[in-house]
Amino acid sequence: MCTMARITIYCRRCGKYLHDYEEIRQCASSRRRGQGPHRDLGSENVTYQSNWTNCDACQEEYEVYMYARRNGIPYLQPNPPFN
């Protein structure tokens, strides 16, 4: 059965909501027949986590952290770390 998946993406480092989108996933039988998806779609919620480089808040915090390190300003180690 084909499904309409609602995909939500969060930042892996800070847990902030980044964005979401919808995607139609075809089942194997409709792909084999070479036709479009079934008319009565099932629904599915999917959650993914993205790297901190895609998160504006984490990028801003990283820039502040690196500025402090370069200029010798004491700054706490970020928790969780940037990796």
PDB file of N, CA and C in Angstrom:
ATOM      1  N   MET A   1       0.852  -1.177   0.000  1.00  0.00           N
ATOM      2  CA  MET A   1       0.000   0.000   0.000  1.00  0.00           C
ATOM      3  C   MET A   1       0.897   1.239   0.000  1.00  0.00           C
ATOM      4  N   CYS A   2       0.600   2.159  -0.842  1.00  0.00           N
ATOM      5  CA  CYS A   2       1.348   3.410  -0.917  1.00  0.00           C
ATOM      6  C   CYS A   2       1.027   4.274   0.306  1.00  0.00           C
ATOM      7  N   THR A   3       1.982   5.102   0.705  1.00  0.00           N
ATOM      8  CA  THR A   3       1.785   5.932   1.892  1.00  0.00           C
ATOM      9  C   THR A   3       2.148   7.384   1.605  1.00  0.00           C
ATOM     10  N   MET A   4       1.512   8.263   2.348  1.00  0.00           N
ATOM     11  CA  MET A   4       1.858   9.680   2.368  1.00  0.00           C
ATOM     12  C   MET A   4       2.648   9.879   3.652  1.00  0.00           C
ATOM     13  N   ALA A   5       3.942  10.136   3.520  1.00  0.00           N
ATOM     14  CA  ALA A   5       4.808  10.272   4.687  1.00  0.00           C
ATOM     15  C   ALA A   5       5.001  11.746   5.007  1.00  0.00           C
ATOM     16  N   ARG A   6       4.795  12.110   6.259  1.00  0.00           N
ATOM     17  CA  ARG A   6       5.086  13.465   6.740  1.00  0.00           C
ATOM     18  C   ARG A   6       6.413  13.367   7.480  1.00  0.00           C
ATOM     19  N   ILE A   7       7.442  13.981   6.918  1.00  0.00           N
ATOM     20  CA  ILE A   7       8.799  13.859   7.432  1.00  0.00           C
ATOM     21  C   ILE A   7       9.149  15.122   8.203  1.00  0.00           C
ATOM     22  N   THR A   8       9.545  14.945   9.460  1.00  0.00           N
ATOM     23  CA  THR A   8       9.918  16.051  10.334  1.00  0.00           C
ATOM     24  C   THR A   8      11.405  15.925  10.645  1.00  0.00           C
ATOM     25  N   ILE A   9      12.130  17.040  10.562  1.00  0.00           N
ATOM     26  CA  ILE A   9      13.573  17.017  10.777  1.00  0.00           C
ATOM     27  C   ILE A   9      13.928  17.910  11.959  1.00  0.00           C
ATOM     28  N   TYR A  10      14.718  17.353  12.885  1.00  0.00           N
ATOM     29  CA  TYR A  10      15.196  18.054  14.072  1.00  0.00           C
ATOM     30  C   TYR A  10      16.719  18.090  14.062  1.00  0.00           C
ATOM     31  N   CYS A  11      17.287  19.039  14.782  1.00  0.00           N
ATOM     32  CA  CYS A  11      18.736  19.121  14.944  1.00  0.00           C
ATOM     33  C   CYS A  11      19.181  18.041  15.924  1.00  0.00           C
ATOM     34  N   ARG A  12      20.191  17.282  15.550  1.00  0.00           N
ATOM     35  CA  ARG A  12      20.688  16.208  16.405  1.00  0.00           C
ATOM     36  C   ARG A  12      21.369  16.765  17.663  1.00  0.00           C
ATOM     37  N   ARG A  13      21.992  17.930  17.552  1.00  0.00           N
ATOM     38  CA  ARG A  13      22.746  18.485  18.672  1.00  0.00           C
ATOM     39  C   ARG A  13      21.850  19.154  19.709  1.00  0.00           C
ATOM     40  N   CYS A  14      20.977  20.071  19.278  1.00  0.00           N
ATOM     41  CA  CYS A  14      20.181  20.844  20.239  1.00  0.00           C
ATOM     42  C   CYS A  14      18.717  20.422  20.295  1.00  0.00           C
ATOM     43  N   GLY A  15      18.263  19.627  19.333  1.00  0.00           N
ATOM     44  CA  GLY A  15      16.884  19.161  19.338  1.00  0.00           C
ATOM     45  C   GLY A  15      15.877  20.150  18.771  1.00  0.00           C
ATOM     46  N   LYS A  16      16.350  21.239  18.180  1.00  0.00           N
ATOM     47  CA  LYS A  16      15.454  22.260  17.637  1.00  0.00           C
ATOM     48  C   LYS A  16      14.782  21.751  16.357  1.00  0.00           C
ATOM     49  N   TYR A  17      13.505  22.110  16.190  1.00  0.00           N
ATOM     50  CA  TYR A  17      12.760  21.781  14.972  1.00  0.00           C
ATOM     51  C   TYR A  17      13.355  22.559  13.804  1.00  0.00           C
ATOM     52  N   LEU A  18      13.676  21.877  12.707  1.00  0.00           N
ATOM     53  CA  LEU A  18      14.235  22.546  11.541  1.00  0.00           C
ATOM     54  C   LEU A  18      13.190  22.740  10.442  1.00  0.00           C
ATOM     55  N   HIS A  19      12.575  21.673   9.971  1.00  0.00           N
ATOM     56  CA  HIS A  19      11.512  21.796   8.969  1.00  0.00           C
ATOM     57  C   HIS A  19      10.829  20.450   8.770  1.00  0.00           C
ATOM     58  N   ASP A  20       9.763  20.474   7.986  1.00  0.00           N
ATOM     59  CA  ASP A  20       9.083  19.232   7.637  1.00  0.00           C
ATOM     60  C   ASP A  20       8.549  19.329   6.214  1.00  0.00           C
ATOM     61  N   TYR A  21       8.271  18.186   5.641  1.00  0.00           N
ATOM     62  CA  TYR A  21       7.708  18.126   4.297  1.00  0.00           C
ATOM     63  C   TYR A  21       6.953  16.819   4.130  1.00  0.00           C
ATOM     64  N   GLU A  22       6.175  16.738   3.063  1.00  0.00           N
ATOM     65  CA  GLU A  22       5.399  15.536   2.780  1.00  0.00           C
ATOM     66  C   GLU A  22       5.947  14.862   1.534  1.00  0.00           C
ATOM     67  N   GLU A  23       5.861  13.535   1.530  1.00  0.00           N
ATOM     68  CA  GLU A  23       6.404  12.756   0.434  1.00  0.00           C
ATOM     69  C   GLU A  23       5.496  11.555   0.194  1.00  0.00           C
ATOM     70  N   ILE A  24       5.220  11.249  -1.057  1.00  0.00           N
ATOM     71  CA  ILE A  24       4.438  10.055  -1.385  1.00  0.00           C
ATOM     72  C   ILE A  24       5.413   8.915  -1.647  1.00  0.00           C
ATOM     73  N   ARG A  25       5.231   7.833  -0.913  1.00  0.00           N
ATOM     74  CA  ARG A  25       6.081   6.655  -1.080  1.00  0.00           C
ATOM     75  C   ARG A  25       5.264   5.556  -1.750  1.00  0.00           C
ATOM     76  N   GLN A  26       5.724   5.143  -2.912  1.00  0.00           N
ATOM     77  CA  GLN A  26       5.001   4.119  -3.657  1.00  0.00           C
ATOM     78  C   GLN A  26       5.350   2.732  -3.139  1.00  0.00           C
ATOM     79  N   CYS A  27       4.363   1.857  -3.159  1.00  0.00           N
ATOM     80  CA  CYS A  27       4.604   0.473  -2.774  1.00  0.00           C
ATOM     81  C   CYS A  27       5.233  -0.272  -3.953  1.00  0.00           C
ATOM     82  N   ALA A  28       5.728  -1.468  -3.693  1.00  0.00           N
ATOM     83  CA  ALA A  28       6.422  -2.246  -4.716  1.00  0.00           C
ATOM     84  C   ALA A  28       5.502  -2.610  -5.874  1.00  0.00           C
ATOM     85  N   SER A  29       4.241  -2.920  -5.586  1.00  0.00           N
ATOM     86  CA  SER A  29       3.349  -3.346  -6.671  1.00  0.00           C
ATOM     87  C   SER A  29       3.050  -2.201  -7.640  1.00  0.00           C
ATOM     88  N   SER A  30       2.885  -0.980  -7.157  1.00  0.00           N
ATOM     89  CA  SER A  30       2.619   0.140  -8.075  1.00  0.00           C
ATOM     90  C   SER A  30       3.875   0.513  -8.853  1.00  0.00           C
ATOM     91  N   ARG A  31       5.048   0.341  -8.267  1.00  0.00           N
ATOM     92  CA  ARG A  31       6.293   0.594  -9.002  1.00  0.00           C
ATOM     93  C   ARG A  31       6.488  -0.449 -10.102  1.00  0.00           C
ATOM     94  N   ARG A  32       6.177  -1.712  -9.789  1.00  0.00           N
ATOM     95  CA  ARG A  32       6.328  -2.782 -10.774  1.00  0.00           C
ATOM     96  C   ARG A  32       5.419  -2.568 -11.978  1.00  0.00           C
ATOM     97  N   ARG A  33       4.199  -2.122 -11.718  1.00  0.00           N
ATOM     98  CA  ARG A  33       3.236  -1.894 -12.792  1.00  0.00           C
ATOM     99  C   ARG A  33       3.554  -0.629 -13.575  1.00  0.00           C
ATOM    100  N   GLY A  34       4.392   0.234 -13.036  1.00  0.00           N
ATOM    101  CA  GLY A  34       4.746   1.472 -13.726  1.00  0.00           C
ATOM    102  C   GLY A  34       3.656   2.520 -13.680  1.00  0.00           C
ATOM    103  N   GLN A  35       2.759   2.401 -12.708  1.00  0.00           N
ATOM    104  CA  GLN A  35       1.670   3.363 -12.572  1.00  0.00           C
ATOM    105  C   GLN A  35       1.938   4.268 -11.380  1.00  0.00           C
ATOM    106  N   GLY A  36       1.057   5.222 -11.195  1.00  0.00           N
ATOM    107  CA  GLY A  36       1.158   6.124 -10.052  1.00  0.00           C
ATOM    108  C   GLY A  36       0.763   5.416  -8.768  1.00  0.00           C
ATOM    109  N   PRO A  37       0.787   6.129  -7.660  1.00  0.00           N
ATOM    110  CA  PRO A  37       0.430   5.525  -6.368  1.00  0.00           C
ATOM    111  C   PRO A  37      -1.052   5.188  -6.284  1.00  0.00           C
ATOM    112  N   HIS A  38      -1.395   4.319  -5.353  1.00  0.00           N
ATOM    113  CA  HIS A  38      -2.791   3.955  -5.116  1.00  0.00           C
ATOM    114  C   HIS A  38      -3.598   5.195  -4.729  1.00  0.00           C
ATOM    115  N   ARG A  39      -4.895   5.133  -4.939  1.00  0.00           N
ATOM    116  CA  ARG A  39      -5.742   6.288  -4.621  1.00  0.00           C
ATOM    117  C   ARG A  39      -5.916   6.471  -3.126  1.00  0.00           C
ATOM    118  N   ASP A  40      -6.061   5.380  -2.396  1.00  0.00           N
ATOM    119  CA  ASP A  40      -6.256   5.483  -0.940  1.00  0.00           C
ATOM    120  C   ASP A  40      -4.905   5.301  -0.245  1.00  0.00           C
ATOM    121  N   LEU A  41      -4.269   6.417   0.029  1.00  0.00           N
ATOM    122  CA  LEU A  41      -2.936   6.409   0.633  1.00  0.00           C
ATOM    123  C   LEU A  41      -3.023   6.197   2.139  1.00  0.00           C
ATOM    124  N   GLY A  42      -2.109   5.403   2.659  1.00  0.00           N
ATOM    125  CA  GLY A  42      -1.958   5.313   4.103  1.00  0.00           C
ATOM    126  C   GLY A  42      -1.151   6.515   4.567  1.00  0.00           C
ATOM    127  N   SER A  43      -1.096   6.742   5.863  1.00  0.00           N
ATOM    128  CA  SER A  43      -0.305   7.871   6.358  1.00  0.00           C
ATOM    129  C   SER A  43       0.766   7.363   7.312  1.00  0.00           C
ATOM    130  N   GLU A  44       1.855   8.107   7.372  1.00  0.00           N
ATOM    131  CA  GLU A  44       2.993   7.708   8.178  1.00  0.00           C
ATOM    132  C   GLU A  44       3.718   8.972   8.632  1.00  0.00           C
ATOM    133  N   ASN A  45       4.114   9.019   9.901  1.00  0.00           N
ATOM    134  CA  ASN A  45       4.923  10.124  10.423  1.00  0.00           C
ATOM    135  C   ASN A  45       6.337   9.615  10.638  1.00  0.00           C
ATOM    136  N   VAL A  46       7.304  10.319  10.068  1.00  0.00           N
ATOM    137  CA  VAL A  46       8.698   9.911  10.146  1.00  0.00           C
ATOM    138  C   VAL A  46       9.496  11.071  10.726  1.00  0.00           C
ATOM    139  N   THR A  47      10.416  10.769  11.643  1.00  0.00           N
ATOM    140  CA  THR A  47      11.261  11.789  12.251  1.00  0.00           C
ATOM    141  C   THR A  47      12.721  11.483  11.942  1.00  0.00           C
ATOM    142  N   TYR A  48      13.433  12.473  11.429  1.00  0.00           N
ATOM    143  CA  TYR A  48      14.863  12.345  11.169  1.00  0.00           C
ATOM    144  C   TYR A  48      15.595  13.413  11.963  1.00  0.00           C
ATOM    145  N   GLN A  49      16.872  13.148  12.219  1.00  0.00           N
ATOM    146  CA  GLN A  49      17.715  14.138  12.879  1.00  0.00           C
ATOM    147  C   GLN A  49      18.809  14.558  11.915  1.00  0.00           C
ATOM    148  N   SER A  50      19.060  15.849  11.875  1.00  0.00           N
ATOM    149  CA  SER A  50      20.034  16.403  10.950  1.00  0.00           C
ATOM    150  C   SER A  50      21.282  16.848  11.709  1.00  0.00           C
ATOM    151  N   ASN A  51      22.368  17.016  10.993  1.00  0.00           N
ATOM    152  CA  ASN A  51      23.626  17.465  11.575  1.00  0.00           C
ATOM    153  C   ASN A  51      23.506  18.927  12.030  1.00  0.00           C
ATOM    154  N   TRP A  52      24.338  19.330  13.000  1.00  0.00           N
ATOM    155  CA  TRP A  52      24.258  20.688  13.545  1.00  0.00           C
ATOM    156  C   TRP A  52      24.609  21.740  12.504  1.00  0.00           C
ATOM    157  N   THR A  53      25.305  21.368  11.435  1.00  0.00           N
ATOM    158  CA  THR A  53      25.660  22.356  10.413  1.00  0.00           C
ATOM    159  C   THR A  53      24.442  22.846   9.638  1.00  0.00           C
ATOM    160  N   ASN A  54      23.312  22.170   9.750  1.00  0.00           N
ATOM    161  CA  ASN A  54      22.072  22.600   9.095  1.00  0.00           C
ATOM    162  C   ASN A  54      21.181  23.419  10.019  1.00  0.00           C
ATOM    163  N   CYS A  55      21.619  23.652  11.252  1.00  0.00           N
ATOM    164  CA  CYS A  55      20.826  24.364  12.257  1.00  0.00           C
ATOM    165  C   CYS A  55      21.401  25.772  12.442  1.00  0.00           C
ATOM    166  N   ASP A  56      20.585  26.799  12.223  1.00  0.00           N
ATOM    167  CA  ASP A  56      21.054  28.185  12.348  1.00  0.00           C
ATOM    168  C   ASP A  56      21.504  28.506  13.765  1.00  0.00           C
ATOM    169  N   ALA A  57      20.776  28.015  14.778  1.00  0.00           N
ATOM    170  CA  ALA A  57      21.125  28.304  16.170  1.00  0.00           C
ATOM    171  C   ALA A  57      22.478  27.691  16.530  1.00  0.00           C
ATOM    172  N   CYS A  58      22.733  26.468  16.106  1.00  0.00           N
ATOM    173  CA  CYS A  58      24.009  25.815  16.400  1.00  0.00           C
ATOM    174  C   CYS A  58      25.157  26.476  15.643  1.00  0.00           C
ATOM    175  N   GLN A  59      24.915  26.897  14.412  1.00  0.00           N
ATOM    176  CA  GLN A  59      25.959  27.584  13.657  1.00  0.00           C
ATOM    177  C   GLN A  59      26.332  28.905  14.318  1.00  0.00           C
ATOM    178  N   GLU A  60      25.337  29.625  14.814  1.00  0.00           N
ATOM    179  CA  GLU A  60      25.609  30.890  15.499  1.00  0.00           C
ATOM    180  C   GLU A  60      26.401  30.649  16.782  1.00  0.00           C
ATOM    181  N   GLU A  61      26.016  29.632  17.542  1.00  0.00           N
ATOM    182  CA  GLU A  61      26.745  29.313  18.770  1.00  0.00           C
ATOM    183  C   GLU A  61      28.181  28.893  18.459  1.00  0.00           C
ATOM    184  N   TYR A  62      28.371  28.163  17.375  1.00  0.00           N
ATOM    185  CA  TYR A  62      29.710  27.733  16.978  1.00  0.00           C
ATOM    186  C   TYR A  62      30.576  28.934  16.608  1.00  0.00           C
ATOM    187  N   GLU A  63      30.003  29.904  15.895  1.00  0.00           N
ATOM    188  CA  GLU A  63      30.758  31.101  15.530  1.00  0.00           C
ATOM    189  C   GLU A  63      31.185  31.885  16.763  1.00  0.00           C
ATOM    190  N   VAL A  64      30.299  32.002  17.753  1.00  0.00           N
ATOM    191  CA  VAL A  64      30.641  32.699  19.000  1.00  0.00           C
ATOM    192  C   VAL A  64      31.740  31.936  19.738  1.00  0.00           C
ATOM    193  N   TYR A  65      31.612  30.625  19.798  1.00  0.00           N
ATOM    194  CA  TYR A  65      32.607  29.778  20.466  1.00  0.00           C
ATOM    195  C   TYR A  65      33.979  29.916  19.799  1.00  0.00           C
ATOM    196  N   MET A  66      34.027  29.859  18.470  1.00  0.00           N
ATOM    197  CA  MET A  66      35.306  29.960  17.766  1.00  0.00           C
ATOM    198  C   MET A  66      35.894  31.369  17.873  1.00  0.00           C
ATOM    199  N   TYR A  67      35.064  32.398  17.866  1.00  0.00           N
ATOM    200  CA  TYR A  67      35.548  33.765  18.046  1.00  0.00           C
ATOM    201  C   TYR A  67      36.216  33.906  19.414  1.00  0.00           C
ATOM    202  N   ALA A  68      35.574  33.358  20.433  1.00  0.00           N
ATOM    203  CA  ALA A  68      36.140  33.423  21.781  1.00  0.00           C
ATOM    204  C   ALA A  68      37.459  32.659  21.857  1.00  0.00           C
ATOM    205  N   ARG A  69      37.532  31.502  21.242  1.00  0.00           N
ATOM    206  CA  ARG A  69      38.766  30.706  21.261  1.00  0.00           C
ATOM    207  C   ARG A  69      39.901  31.434  20.550  1.00  0.00           C
ATOM    208  N   ARG A  70      39.606  32.038  19.390  1.00  0.00           N
ATOM    209  CA  ARG A  70      40.644  32.727  18.616  1.00  0.00           C
ATOM    210  C   ARG A  70      41.186  33.952  19.346  1.00  0.00           C
ATOM    211  N   ASN A  71      40.335  34.636  20.104  1.00  0.00           N
ATOM    212  CA  ASN A  71      40.735  35.878  20.761  1.00  0.00           C
ATOM    213  C   ASN A  71      41.094  35.699  22.226  1.00  0.00           C
ATOM    214  N   GLY A  72      41.177  34.462  22.699  1.00  0.00           N
ATOM    215  CA  GLY A  72      41.590  34.199  24.073  1.00  0.00           C
ATOM    216  C   GLY A  72      40.554  34.570  25.118  1.00  0.00           C
ATOM    217  N   ILE A  73      39.309  34.672  24.748  1.00  0.00           N
ATOM    218  CA  ILE A  73      38.234  34.991  25.686  1.00  0.00           C
ATOM    219  C   ILE A  73      37.769  33.694  26.333  1.00  0.00           C
ATOM    220  N   PRO A  74      37.701  33.649  27.672  1.00  0.00           N
ATOM    221  CA  PRO A  74      37.230  32.412  28.302  1.00  0.00           C
ATOM    222  C   PRO A  74      35.772  32.130  27.925  1.00  0.00           C
ATOM    223  N   TYR A  75      35.527  30.918  27.509  1.00  0.00           N
ATOM    224  CA  TYR A  75      34.187  30.507  27.076  1.00  0.00           C
ATOM    225  C   TYR A  75      34.006  29.054  27.486  1.00  0.00           C
ATOM    226  N   LEU A  76      32.848  28.749  28.017  1.00  0.00           N
ATOM    227  CA  LEU A  76      32.596  27.382  28.460  1.00  0.00           C
ATOM    228  C   LEU A  76      32.622  26.415  27.283  1.00  0.00           C
ATOM    229  N   GLN A  77      33.048  25.184  27.550  1.00  0.00           N
ATOM    230  CA  GLN A  77      32.977  24.146  26.532  1.00  0.00           C
ATOM    231  C   GLN A  77      31.518  23.932  26.164  1.00  0.00           C
ATOM    232  N   PRO A  78      31.190  23.896  24.898  1.00  0.00           N
ATOM    233  CA  PRO A  78      29.796  23.683  24.514  1.00  0.00           C
ATOM    234  C   PRO A  78      29.322  22.294  24.923  1.00  0.00           C
ATOM    235  N   ASN A  79      28.119  22.235  25.418  1.00  0.00           N
ATOM    236  CA  ASN A  79      27.550  20.959  25.815  1.00  0.00           C
ATOM    237  C   ASN A  79      26.163  20.863  25.200  1.00  0.00           C
ATOM    238  N   PRO A  80      25.888  19.981  24.299  1.00  0.00           N
ATOM    239  CA  PRO A  80      26.775  18.960  23.756  1.00  0.00           C
ATOM    240  C   PRO A  80      27.807  19.564  22.801  1.00  0.00           C
ATOM    241  N   PRO A  81      28.919  18.875  22.601  1.00  0.00           N
ATOM    242  CA  PRO A  81      29.995  19.421  21.771  1.00  0.00           C
ATOM    243  C   PRO A  81      29.628  19.440  20.290  1.00  0.00           C
ATOM    244  N   PHE A  82      30.383  20.210  19.539  1.00  0.00           N
ATOM    245  CA  PHE A  82      30.215  20.244  18.082  1.00  0.00           C
ATOM    246  C   PHE A  82      31.056  19.114  17.504  1.00  0.00           C
ATOM    247  N   ASN A  83      30.414  18.098  16.998  1.00  0.00           N
ATOM    248  CA  ASN A  83      31.158  16.998  16.361  1.00  0.00           C
ATOM    249  C   ASN A  83      30.390  16.454  15.202  1.00  0.00           C
TER     250      ASN A  83
END
